[in-house]
Amino acid sequence: MAENKHWADGFIAVDWGTTNRRAYRIDAKGGCEAEFEDDRGMLAVQQGGFPAAVAEIRERLGDFPLLLAGMVGSNRGWIEAPYVPVPAGIEDLVKALVWPGEREAIVPGVSTLKNDRADVMRGEEVQLLGAVCAGTCGEDGLVCHPGTHNKWVTLREGKISDFRTVMTGELFSLLKDHSILADLLQGPVDINDAFRTAARFAIANEALPAELFSIRARVLLGQAKKEDAASYASGLLIGTDVRIGLSLPTSAQVTVIGRPELTRLYAAAITEANREAIELDGERCFLAGIHEIAKRIDK
């Protein structure tokens, strides 16, 4: 590893996803001095184009070392950063950093392989462990991380102990764009009676495929309002997701980390399961985690 005496003066953190990227200039105390978000995700960068994409980030935020997380470290990204197996904590991520250059480091993802069930994550691990390091999430418990692919994560002694992915966000998107329900799902998703009713039903019953079709039938037969269809469908999907997540042996409280527009939906569904949920902003957790990693690079 190259000597990184400049990290103490500040660095640039990048949360580089499949379709979007968000970059932050972090000062020596961990504060965010500047940031930007665009649609230059992994899929938008042509093969061999990552050095130019990194140079563009520095042009916008300054000539600082870069700490990169997310899909940039996948087998389709800049350079693959192999997954760290659970249990995984901050120190494990630091030890497994991959260095494309002397002033660029890629954070690895995390993997689990237990009882013949395989799962992986990239990017969420920084937020999860960032919340632990910041003291906003306990070292032991259950965390829900909503997104295109929601993660249910068990924490033990401040490390990611195990997790399970549920493709709820992607399923809703597919139903909205490519299913017989598409014309009914274009409206907004609200936490209303339709959402709560659907969430309670899904938490108590294993009938998702049948109940999804009933969304159309209920509207056709005048039993439900068309404008409530998106909320009802979201409630069914998220309720099913919560049913899966709460099947894990955990403490009573669930920490929900992510974008506020998603955490509020999951927190509402978890409440329908008679469990307590607290919400944490994913961006703040990411900044806490990435700063903790940077502090430990040259120790």
C-alpha atoms as a PDB file:
ATOM      1  CA  MET A   1       0.000   0.000   0.000  1.00  0.00           C
ATOM      2  CA  ALA A   2       1.211   3.488  -0.768  1.00  0.00           C
ATOM      3  CA  GLU A   3       1.871   5.978   2.002  1.00  0.00           C
ATOM      4  CA  ASN A   4      -1.216   8.160   2.443  1.00  0.00           C
ATOM      5  CA  LYS A   5      -0.119  11.088   4.572  1.00  0.00           C
ATOM      6  CA  HIS A   6      -2.603  13.341   2.715  1.00  0.00           C
ATOM      7  CA  TRP A   7      -5.686  11.503   3.999  1.00  0.00           C
ATOM      8  CA  ALA A   8      -5.534  13.437   7.278  1.00  0.00           C
ATOM      9  CA  ASP A   9      -5.999  16.684   5.314  1.00  0.00           C
ATOM     10  CA  GLY A  10      -9.251  15.505   3.741  1.00  0.00           C
ATOM     11  CA  PHE A  11     -10.433  13.201   0.989  1.00  0.00           C
ATOM     12  CA  ILE A  12     -13.218  12.584  -1.490  1.00  0.00           C
ATOM     13  CA  ALA A  13     -15.770   9.854  -0.719  1.00  0.00           C
ATOM     14  CA  VAL A  14     -17.796   8.334  -3.546  1.00  0.00           C
ATOM     15  CA  ASP A  15     -20.897   6.182  -3.217  1.00  0.00           C
ATOM     16  CA  TRP A  16     -20.816   4.726  -6.752  1.00  0.00           C
ATOM     17  CA  GLY A  17     -23.900   2.737  -7.650  1.00  0.00           C
ATOM     18  CA  THR A  18     -25.116   0.965 -10.752  1.00  0.00           C
ATOM     19  CA  THR A  19     -26.988   3.937 -12.232  1.00  0.00           C
ATOM     20  CA  ASN A  20     -25.958   6.898 -10.059  1.00  0.00           C
ATOM     21  CA  ARG A  21     -22.982   8.174  -8.131  1.00  0.00           C
ATOM     22  CA  ARG A  22     -22.675  10.656  -5.300  1.00  0.00           C
ATOM     23  CA  ALA A  23     -19.386  12.276  -4.315  1.00  0.00           C
ATOM     24  CA  TYR A  24     -18.464  14.251  -1.186  1.00  0.00           C
ATOM     25  CA  ARG A  25     -15.391  16.296  -0.255  1.00  0.00           C
ATOM     26  CA  ILE A  26     -14.693  15.453   3.382  1.00  0.00           C
ATOM     27  CA  ASP A  27     -12.567  17.693   5.599  1.00  0.00           C
ATOM     28  CA  ALA A  28     -10.129  16.569   8.285  1.00  0.00           C
ATOM     29  CA  LYS A  29     -12.889  16.518  10.922  1.00  0.00           C
ATOM     30  CA  GLY A  30     -15.270  14.435   8.841  1.00  0.00           C
ATOM     31  CA  GLY A  31     -17.485  17.310   7.723  1.00  0.00           C
ATOM     32  CA  CYS A  32     -18.834  17.540   4.181  1.00  0.00           C
ATOM     33  CA  GLU A  33     -17.520  20.658   2.419  1.00  0.00           C
ATOM     34  CA  ALA A  34     -18.998  20.036  -1.038  1.00  0.00           C
ATOM     35  CA  GLU A  35     -20.878  17.323  -2.922  1.00  0.00           C
ATOM     36  CA  PHE A  36     -22.598  16.414  -6.155  1.00  0.00           C
ATOM     37  CA  GLU A  37     -24.819  13.649  -7.501  1.00  0.00           C
ATOM     38  CA  ASP A  38     -25.253  12.594 -11.118  1.00  0.00           C
ATOM     39  CA  ASP A  39     -26.286   9.696 -13.345  1.00  0.00           C
ATOM     40  CA  ARG A  40     -22.705   8.577 -14.055  1.00  0.00           C
ATOM     41  CA  GLY A  41     -23.155   5.226 -12.365  1.00  0.00           C
ATOM     42  CA  MET A  42     -21.201   2.103 -13.179  1.00  0.00           C
ATOM     43  CA  LEU A  43     -23.282   1.318 -16.272  1.00  0.00           C
ATOM     44  CA  ALA A  44     -22.642   4.772 -17.733  1.00  0.00           C
ATOM     45  CA  VAL A  45     -18.840   4.350 -17.666  1.00  0.00           C
ATOM     46  CA  GLN A  46     -17.467   2.567 -20.708  1.00  0.00           C
ATOM     47  CA  GLN A  47     -14.961  -0.234 -20.285  1.00  0.00           C
ATOM     48  CA  GLY A  48     -11.606   1.263 -19.380  1.00  0.00           C
ATOM     49  CA  GLY A  49     -13.205   4.640 -18.657  1.00  0.00           C
ATOM     50  CA  PHE A  50     -12.928   4.731 -14.880  1.00  0.00           C
ATOM     51  CA  PRO A  51      -9.621   6.671 -14.684  1.00  0.00           C
ATOM     52  CA  ALA A  52     -11.244   9.454 -16.717  1.00  0.00           C
ATOM     53  CA  ALA A  53     -14.375   9.300 -14.562  1.00  0.00           C
ATOM     54  CA  VAL A  54     -12.223   9.599 -11.424  1.00  0.00           C
ATOM     55  CA  ALA A  55     -10.345  12.545 -12.928  1.00  0.00           C
ATOM     56  CA  GLU A  56     -13.694  14.225 -13.568  1.00  0.00           C
ATOM     57  CA  ILE A  57     -14.610  13.867  -9.889  1.00  0.00           C
ATOM     58  CA  ARG A  58     -11.363  15.556  -8.880  1.00  0.00           C
ATOM     59  CA  GLU A  59     -11.988  18.354 -11.361  1.00  0.00           C
ATOM     60  CA  ARG A  60     -15.268  19.071  -9.598  1.00  0.00           C
ATOM     61  CA  LEU A  61     -14.232  18.570  -5.953  1.00  0.00           C
ATOM     62  CA  GLY A  62     -10.457  19.056  -5.846  1.00  0.00           C
ATOM     63  CA  ASP A  63      -7.206  17.100  -5.974  1.00  0.00           C
ATOM     64  CA  PHE A  64      -7.729  14.813  -2.971  1.00  0.00           C
ATOM     65  CA  PRO A  65      -7.394  11.075  -2.320  1.00  0.00           C
ATOM     66  CA  LEU A  66     -10.504   9.100  -3.261  1.00  0.00           C
ATOM     67  CA  LEU A  67     -12.258   6.455  -1.171  1.00  0.00           C
ATOM     68  CA  LEU A  68     -14.783   4.615  -3.350  1.00  0.00           C
ATOM     69  CA  ALA A  69     -17.653   2.352  -2.271  1.00  0.00           C
ATOM     70  CA  GLY A  70     -20.437   0.498  -4.037  1.00  0.00           C
ATOM     71  CA  MET A  71     -20.640  -1.152  -7.438  1.00  0.00           C
ATOM     72  CA  VAL A  72     -17.392   0.473  -8.583  1.00  0.00           C
ATOM     73  CA  GLY A  73     -15.738  -2.496  -6.843  1.00  0.00           C
ATOM     74  CA  SER A  74     -17.863  -5.160  -8.536  1.00  0.00           C
ATOM     75  CA  ASN A  75     -16.705  -7.481 -11.309  1.00  0.00           C
ATOM     76  CA  ARG A  76     -18.230  -4.982 -13.758  1.00  0.00           C
ATOM     77  CA  GLY A  77     -16.687  -1.934 -12.103  1.00  0.00           C
ATOM     78  CA  TRP A  78     -13.230  -0.359 -12.133  1.00  0.00           C
ATOM     79  CA  ILE A  79     -11.314  -3.079 -10.278  1.00  0.00           C
ATOM     80  CA  GLU A  80     -12.971  -5.914  -8.416  1.00  0.00           C
ATOM     81  CA  ALA A  81     -12.719  -5.680  -4.636  1.00  0.00           C
ATOM     82  CA  PRO A  82     -13.401  -9.231  -3.372  1.00  0.00           C
ATOM     83  CA  TYR A  83     -16.152  -9.666  -0.801  1.00  0.00           C
ATOM     84  CA  VAL A  84     -15.243  -9.871   2.873  1.00  0.00           C
ATOM     85  CA  PRO A  85     -17.049 -12.823   4.506  1.00  0.00           C
ATOM     86  CA  VAL A  86     -19.158 -12.320   7.615  1.00  0.00           C
ATOM     87  CA  PRO A  87     -18.593 -11.536  10.403  1.00  0.00           C
ATOM     88  CA  ALA A  88     -17.328  -8.236   9.001  1.00  0.00           C
ATOM     89  CA  GLY A  89     -16.524  -5.011  10.812  1.00  0.00           C
ATOM     90  CA  ILE A  90     -14.834  -1.734   9.917  1.00  0.00           C
ATOM     91  CA  GLU A  91     -11.335  -3.131  10.480  1.00  0.00           C
ATOM     92  CA  ASP A  92     -12.087  -6.024   8.114  1.00  0.00           C
ATOM     93  CA  LEU A  93     -13.098  -3.573   5.380  1.00  0.00           C
ATOM     94  CA  VAL A  94      -9.944  -1.509   5.893  1.00  0.00           C
ATOM     95  CA  LYS A  95      -7.703  -4.565   5.641  1.00  0.00           C
ATOM     96  CA  ALA A  96      -9.370  -5.616   2.376  1.00  0.00           C
ATOM     97  CA  LEU A  97      -9.246  -2.252   0.587  1.00  0.00           C
ATOM     98  CA  VAL A  98      -8.197  -2.534  -3.059  1.00  0.00           C
ATOM     99  CA  TRP A  99      -5.849   0.139  -4.461  1.00  0.00           C
ATOM    100  CA  PRO A 100      -6.181   0.955  -8.191  1.00  0.00           C
ATOM    101  CA  GLY A 101      -3.607   3.726  -7.652  1.00  0.00           C
ATOM    102  CA  GLU A 102      -1.628   5.356  -4.879  1.00  0.00           C
ATOM    103  CA  ARG A 103      -4.419   7.794  -4.002  1.00  0.00           C
ATOM    104  CA  GLU A 104      -7.522   5.736  -4.777  1.00  0.00           C
ATOM    105  CA  ALA A 105      -8.953   2.945  -2.636  1.00  0.00           C
ATOM    106  CA  ILE A 106     -12.057   0.784  -3.172  1.00  0.00           C
ATOM    107  CA  VAL A 107     -14.069  -0.542  -0.225  1.00  0.00           C
ATOM    108  CA  PRO A 108     -14.935  -4.248  -0.537  1.00  0.00           C
ATOM    109  CA  GLY A 109     -18.461  -5.620  -0.249  1.00  0.00           C
ATOM    110  CA  VAL A 110     -19.576  -8.250   2.247  1.00  0.00           C
ATOM    111  CA  SER A 111     -20.724 -11.830   1.617  1.00  0.00           C
ATOM    112  CA  THR A 112     -22.464 -14.571   3.568  1.00  0.00           C
ATOM    113  CA  LEU A 113     -22.688 -18.276   2.859  1.00  0.00           C
ATOM    114  CA  LYS A 114     -24.602 -20.101   5.562  1.00  0.00           C
ATOM    115  CA  ASN A 115     -26.750 -23.220   5.328  1.00  0.00           C
ATOM    116  CA  ASP A 116     -26.311 -23.270   1.530  1.00  0.00           C
ATOM    117  CA  ARG A 117     -27.782 -19.734   1.267  1.00  0.00           C
ATOM    118  CA  ALA A 118     -25.519 -17.255  -0.522  1.00  0.00           C
ATOM    119  CA  ASP A 119     -25.876 -13.475  -0.385  1.00  0.00           C
ATOM    120  CA  VAL A 120     -23.792 -10.363  -1.112  1.00  0.00           C
ATOM    121  CA  MET A 121     -23.890  -6.605  -0.593  1.00  0.00           C
ATOM    122  CA  ARG A 122     -21.895  -3.643  -1.894  1.00  0.00           C
ATOM    123  CA  GLY A 123     -22.254  -0.154  -0.479  1.00  0.00           C
ATOM    124  CA  GLU A 124     -24.724  -0.921   2.298  1.00  0.00           C
ATOM    125  CA  GLU A 125     -21.910  -2.173   4.536  1.00  0.00           C
ATOM    126  CA  VAL A 126     -20.475   1.358   4.822  1.00  0.00           C
ATOM    127  CA  GLN A 127     -23.815   2.756   6.009  1.00  0.00           C
ATOM    128  CA  LEU A 128     -24.479  -0.117   8.407  1.00  0.00           C
ATOM    129  CA  LEU A 129     -21.091   0.014  10.092  1.00  0.00           C
ATOM    130  CA  GLY A 130     -21.088   3.800   9.948  1.00  0.00           C
ATOM    131  CA  ALA A 131     -24.242   3.849  12.068  1.00  0.00           C
ATOM    132  CA  VAL A 132     -22.561   1.527  14.584  1.00  0.00           C
ATOM    133  CA  CYS A 133     -19.404   3.668  14.723  1.00  0.00           C
ATOM    134  CA  ALA A 134     -21.482   6.840  15.142  1.00  0.00           C
ATOM    135  CA  GLY A 135     -23.395   5.274  18.013  1.00  0.00           C
ATOM    136  CA  THR A 136     -26.784   5.790  16.338  1.00  0.00           C
ATOM    137  CA  CYS A 137     -27.260   2.039  15.967  1.00  0.00           C
ATOM    138  CA  GLY A 138     -26.532  -0.572  18.598  1.00  0.00           C
ATOM    139  CA  GLU A 139     -23.745  -3.113  18.185  1.00  0.00           C
ATOM    140  CA  ASP A 140     -26.292  -5.944  18.385  1.00  0.00           C
ATOM    141  CA  GLY A 141     -29.678  -6.113  16.712  1.00  0.00           C
ATOM    142  CA  LEU A 142     -31.563  -6.061  13.440  1.00  0.00           C
ATOM    143  CA  VAL A 143     -31.190  -3.493  10.667  1.00  0.00           C
ATOM    144  CA  CYS A 144     -33.435  -3.044   7.646  1.00  0.00           C
ATOM    145  CA  HIS A 145     -31.834  -1.261   4.667  1.00  0.00           C
ATOM    146  CA  PRO A 146     -34.519  -0.475   2.052  1.00  0.00           C
ATOM    147  CA  GLY A 147     -33.597  -0.014  -1.582  1.00  0.00           C
ATOM    148  CA  THR A 148     -33.923  -1.715  -4.924  1.00  0.00           C
ATOM    149  CA  HIS A 149     -32.687  -4.815  -3.109  1.00  0.00           C
ATOM    150  CA  ASN A 150     -33.612  -4.496   0.562  1.00  0.00           C
ATOM    151  CA  LYS A 151     -31.219  -5.943   3.139  1.00  0.00           C
ATOM    152  CA  TRP A 152     -32.132  -7.427   6.525  1.00  0.00           C
ATOM    153  CA  VAL A 153     -28.936  -7.474   8.572  1.00  0.00           C
ATOM    154  CA  THR A 154     -28.115  -8.929  11.962  1.00  0.00           C
ATOM    155  CA  LEU A 155     -25.359  -7.181  13.906  1.00  0.00           C
ATOM    156  CA  ARG A 156     -23.305  -8.905  16.568  1.00  0.00           C
ATOM    157  CA  GLU A 157     -20.635  -7.111  18.607  1.00  0.00           C
ATOM    158  CA  GLY A 158     -20.493  -4.272  16.094  1.00  0.00           C
ATOM    159  CA  LYS A 159     -20.020  -6.514  13.053  1.00  0.00           C
ATOM    160  CA  ILE A 160     -22.275  -7.659  10.239  1.00  0.00           C
ATOM    161  CA  SER A 161     -23.078 -11.195  11.362  1.00  0.00           C
ATOM    162  CA  ASP A 162     -25.519 -12.302   8.657  1.00  0.00           C
ATOM    163  CA  PHE A 163     -27.967 -10.784   6.178  1.00  0.00           C
ATOM    164  CA  ARG A 164     -30.644 -11.554   3.644  1.00  0.00           C
ATOM    165  CA  THR A 165     -31.629  -9.674   0.479  1.00  0.00           C
ATOM    166  CA  VAL A 166     -35.233  -9.204  -0.641  1.00  0.00           C
ATOM    167  CA  MET A 167     -35.805  -7.816  -4.169  1.00  0.00           C
ATOM    168  CA  THR A 168     -38.833  -5.734  -3.178  1.00  0.00           C
ATOM    169  CA  GLY A 169     -37.902  -2.484  -4.891  1.00  0.00           C
ATOM    170  CA  GLU A 170     -37.080  -4.184  -8.154  1.00  0.00           C
ATOM    171  CA  LEU A 171     -40.295  -6.229  -8.033  1.00  0.00           C
ATOM    172  CA  PHE A 172     -42.387  -3.083  -7.592  1.00  0.00           C
ATOM    173  CA  SER A 173     -40.564  -1.458 -10.519  1.00  0.00           C
ATOM    174  CA  LEU A 174     -41.183  -4.488 -12.743  1.00  0.00           C
ATOM    175  CA  LEU A 175     -44.860  -4.597 -11.809  1.00  0.00           C
ATOM    176  CA  LYS A 176     -45.162  -0.870 -12.457  1.00  0.00           C
ATOM    177  CA  ASP A 177     -43.538  -1.027 -15.895  1.00  0.00           C
ATOM    178  CA  HIS A 178     -44.187  -4.506 -17.295  1.00  0.00           C
ATOM    179  CA  SER A 179     -47.222  -6.159 -15.684  1.00  0.00           C
ATOM    180  CA  ILE A 180     -50.985  -6.259 -16.102  1.00  0.00           C
ATOM    181  CA  LEU A 181     -51.089  -3.926 -13.091  1.00  0.00           C
ATOM    182  CA  ALA A 182     -48.946  -1.263 -14.762  1.00  0.00           C
ATOM    183  CA  ASP A 183     -51.793   1.174 -15.479  1.00  0.00           C
ATOM    184  CA  LEU A 184     -52.888   1.005 -11.832  1.00  0.00           C
ATOM    185  CA  LEU A 185     -49.452   1.593 -10.300  1.00  0.00           C
ATOM    186  CA  GLN A 186     -48.512   4.957 -11.787  1.00  0.00           C
ATOM    187  CA  GLY A 187     -49.845   6.976  -8.864  1.00  0.00           C
ATOM    188  CA  PRO A 188     -48.036   7.966  -5.658  1.00  0.00           C
ATOM    189  CA  VAL A 189     -47.434   5.590  -2.770  1.00  0.00           C
ATOM    190  CA  ASP A 190     -48.833   6.968   0.472  1.00  0.00           C
ATOM    191  CA  ILE A 191     -48.961   5.606   4.002  1.00  0.00           C
ATOM    192  CA  ASN A 192     -52.744   5.478   4.059  1.00  0.00           C
ATOM    193  CA  ASP A 193     -55.418   2.949   4.997  1.00  0.00           C
ATOM    194  CA  ALA A 194     -54.806   1.000   1.768  1.00  0.00           C
ATOM    195  CA  PHE A 195     -51.072   0.694   2.499  1.00  0.00           C
ATOM    196  CA  ARG A 196     -51.594  -0.318   6.125  1.00  0.00           C
ATOM    197  CA  THR A 197     -54.336  -2.833   5.299  1.00  0.00           C
ATOM    198  CA  ALA A 198     -52.168  -4.471   2.643  1.00  0.00           C
ATOM    199  CA  ALA A 199     -49.121  -4.528   4.922  1.00  0.00           C
ATOM    200  CA  ARG A 200     -51.072  -6.200   7.742  1.00  0.00           C
ATOM    201  CA  PHE A 201     -52.462  -8.798   5.325  1.00  0.00           C
ATOM    202  CA  ALA A 202     -49.033  -9.618   3.890  1.00  0.00           C
ATOM    203  CA  ILE A 203     -47.419  -9.851   7.327  1.00  0.00           C
ATOM    204  CA  ALA A 204     -50.057 -12.379   8.406  1.00  0.00           C
ATOM    205  CA  ASN A 205     -50.462 -14.370   5.174  1.00  0.00           C
ATOM    206  CA  GLU A 206     -48.289 -16.044   2.542  1.00  0.00           C
ATOM    207  CA  ALA A 207     -50.442 -15.210  -0.483  1.00  0.00           C
ATOM    208  CA  LEU A 208     -48.518 -12.524  -2.356  1.00  0.00           C
ATOM    209  CA  PRO A 209     -48.931 -13.709  -5.989  1.00  0.00           C
ATOM    210  CA  ALA A 210     -52.690 -14.197  -5.596  1.00  0.00           C
ATOM    211  CA  GLU A 211     -53.242 -10.971  -3.674  1.00  0.00           C
ATOM    212  CA  LEU A 212     -51.289  -8.959  -6.266  1.00  0.00           C
ATOM    213  CA  PHE A 213     -53.758 -10.024  -8.968  1.00  0.00           C
ATOM    214  CA  SER A 214     -56.636  -9.091  -6.681  1.00  0.00           C
ATOM    215  CA  ILE A 215     -55.518  -5.446  -6.944  1.00  0.00           C
ATOM    216  CA  ARG A 216     -56.890  -5.370 -10.490  1.00  0.00           C
ATOM    217  CA  ALA A 217     -60.028  -7.349  -9.634  1.00  0.00           C
ATOM    218  CA  ARG A 218     -60.858  -5.131  -6.648  1.00  0.00           C
ATOM    219  CA  VAL A 219     -60.735  -2.008  -8.799  1.00  0.00           C
ATOM    220  CA  LEU A 220     -62.720  -3.598 -11.656  1.00  0.00           C
ATOM    221  CA  LEU A 221     -65.466  -4.711  -9.260  1.00  0.00           C
ATOM    222  CA  GLY A 222     -65.662  -1.407  -7.427  1.00  0.00           C
ATOM    223  CA  GLN A 223     -64.180  -2.714  -4.173  1.00  0.00           C
ATOM    224  CA  ALA A 224     -61.166  -0.388  -4.202  1.00  0.00           C
ATOM    225  CA  LYS A 225     -60.204   3.003  -5.612  1.00  0.00           C
ATOM    226  CA  LYS A 226     -57.820   3.105  -8.555  1.00  0.00           C
ATOM    227  CA  GLU A 227     -55.850   5.910  -6.899  1.00  0.00           C
ATOM    228  CA  ASP A 228     -55.106   3.619  -3.918  1.00  0.00           C
ATOM    229  CA  ALA A 229     -53.724   0.771  -6.058  1.00  0.00           C
ATOM    230  CA  ALA A 230     -50.067   1.835  -5.887  1.00  0.00           C
ATOM    231  CA  SER A 231     -50.213   2.207  -2.103  1.00  0.00           C
ATOM    232  CA  TYR A 232     -51.932  -1.160  -1.726  1.00  0.00           C
ATOM    233  CA  ALA A 233     -49.386  -2.906  -3.970  1.00  0.00           C
ATOM    234  CA  SER A 234     -46.512  -1.295  -2.079  1.00  0.00           C
ATOM    235  CA  GLY A 235     -48.058  -2.366   1.213  1.00  0.00           C
ATOM    236  CA  LEU A 236     -48.311  -5.963   0.003  1.00  0.00           C
ATOM    237  CA  LEU A 237     -44.726  -6.084  -1.187  1.00  0.00           C
ATOM    238  CA  ILE A 238     -43.219  -4.301   1.815  1.00  0.00           C
ATOM    239  CA  GLY A 239     -45.410  -6.274   4.220  1.00  0.00           C
ATOM    240  CA  THR A 240     -44.132  -9.511   2.668  1.00  0.00           C
ATOM    241  CA  ASP A 241     -40.592  -8.151   2.955  1.00  0.00           C
ATOM    242  CA  VAL A 242     -41.142  -7.342   6.639  1.00  0.00           C
ATOM    243  CA  ARG A 243     -42.612 -10.810   7.219  1.00  0.00           C
ATOM    244  CA  ILE A 244     -39.354 -12.289   5.912  1.00  0.00           C
ATOM    245  CA  GLY A 245     -37.131  -9.927   7.875  1.00  0.00           C
ATOM    246  CA  LEU A 246     -38.922 -10.310  11.188  1.00  0.00           C
ATOM    247  CA  SER A 247     -38.669 -14.090  10.951  1.00  0.00           C
ATOM    248  CA  LEU A 248     -35.048 -13.661  12.033  1.00  0.00           C
ATOM    249  CA  PRO A 249     -34.433 -14.023  15.790  1.00  0.00           C
ATOM    250  CA  THR A 250     -33.837 -10.456  16.911  1.00  0.00           C
ATOM    251  CA  SER A 251     -34.453  -7.872  19.578  1.00  0.00           C
ATOM    252  CA  ALA A 252     -37.738  -5.950  19.569  1.00  0.00           C
ATOM    253  CA  GLN A 253     -36.419  -2.741  17.966  1.00  0.00           C
ATOM    254  CA  VAL A 254     -35.532  -2.550  14.283  1.00  0.00           C
ATOM    255  CA  THR A 255     -33.252   0.153  12.866  1.00  0.00           C
ATOM    256  CA  VAL A 256     -34.203   1.250   9.350  1.00  0.00           C
ATOM    257  CA  ILE A 257     -31.391   2.927   7.384  1.00  0.00           C
ATOM    258  CA  GLY A 258     -31.695   4.524   3.949  1.00  0.00           C
ATOM    259  CA  ARG A 259     -33.392   7.295   2.012  1.00  0.00           C
ATOM    260  CA  PRO A 260     -36.177   8.890   4.094  1.00  0.00           C
ATOM    261  CA  GLU A 261     -38.811   8.297   1.400  1.00  0.00           C
ATOM    262  CA  LEU A 262     -38.172   4.556   1.745  1.00  0.00           C
ATOM    263  CA  THR A 263     -37.439   4.250   5.463  1.00  0.00           C
ATOM    264  CA  ARG A 264     -40.814   5.803   6.341  1.00  0.00           C
ATOM    265  CA  LEU A 265     -42.646   3.110   4.332  1.00  0.00           C
ATOM    266  CA  TYR A 266     -40.758   0.275   6.001  1.00  0.00           C
ATOM    267  CA  ALA A 267     -41.101   1.824   9.454  1.00  0.00           C
ATOM    268  CA  ALA A 268     -44.868   2.059   8.925  1.00  0.00           C
ATOM    269  CA  ALA A 269     -45.076  -1.599   7.873  1.00  0.00           C
ATOM    270  CA  ILE A 270     -42.917  -2.725  10.800  1.00  0.00           C
ATOM    271  CA  THR A 271     -45.268  -0.852  13.122  1.00  0.00           C
ATOM    272  CA  GLU A 272     -48.171  -2.861  11.660  1.00  0.00           C
ATOM    273  CA  ALA A 273     -46.287  -5.960  12.841  1.00  0.00           C
ATOM    274  CA  ASN A 274     -46.337  -4.509  16.380  1.00  0.00           C
ATOM    275  CA  ARG A 275     -42.596  -3.898  16.371  1.00  0.00           C
ATOM    276  CA  GLU A 276     -40.774  -0.648  17.093  1.00  0.00           C
ATOM    277  CA  ALA A 277     -38.714   0.946  14.311  1.00  0.00           C
ATOM    278  CA  ILE A 278     -36.304   3.878  14.341  1.00  0.00           C
ATOM    279  CA  GLU A 279     -35.207   5.588  11.127  1.00  0.00           C
ATOM    280  CA  LEU A 280     -31.683   6.743  10.247  1.00  0.00           C
ATOM    281  CA  ASP A 281     -30.672   8.768   7.216  1.00  0.00           C
ATOM    282  CA  GLY A 282     -28.510   6.609   4.950  1.00  0.00           C
ATOM    283  CA  GLU A 283     -26.402   9.503   3.695  1.00  0.00           C
ATOM    284  CA  ARG A 284     -25.328  10.487   7.205  1.00  0.00           C
ATOM    285  CA  CYS A 285     -24.540   6.863   8.010  1.00  0.00           C
ATOM    286  CA  PHE A 286     -22.467   6.565   4.820  1.00  0.00           C
ATOM    287  CA  LEU A 287     -20.439   9.674   5.698  1.00  0.00           C
ATOM    288  CA  ALA A 288     -19.826   8.353   9.219  1.00  0.00           C
ATOM    289  CA  GLY A 289     -18.680   4.985   7.900  1.00  0.00           C
ATOM    290  CA  ILE A 290     -16.481   6.253   5.103  1.00  0.00           C
ATOM    291  CA  HIS A 291     -14.779   8.750   7.442  1.00  0.00           C
ATOM    292  CA  GLU A 292     -14.101   5.965   9.943  1.00  0.00           C
ATOM    293  CA  ILE A 293     -12.479   3.888   7.200  1.00  0.00           C
ATOM    294  CA  ALA A 294     -10.339   6.839   6.055  1.00  0.00           C
ATOM    295  CA  LYS A 295      -9.128   7.505   9.608  1.00  0.00           C
ATOM    296  CA  ARG A 296      -7.831   3.943   9.856  1.00  0.00           C
ATOM    297  CA  ILE A 297      -6.087   3.730   6.478  1.00  0.00           C
ATOM    298  CA  ASP A 298      -2.641   4.813   7.585  1.00  0.00           C
ATOM    299  CA  LYS A 299      -2.728   3.509  11.141  1.00  0.00           C
END
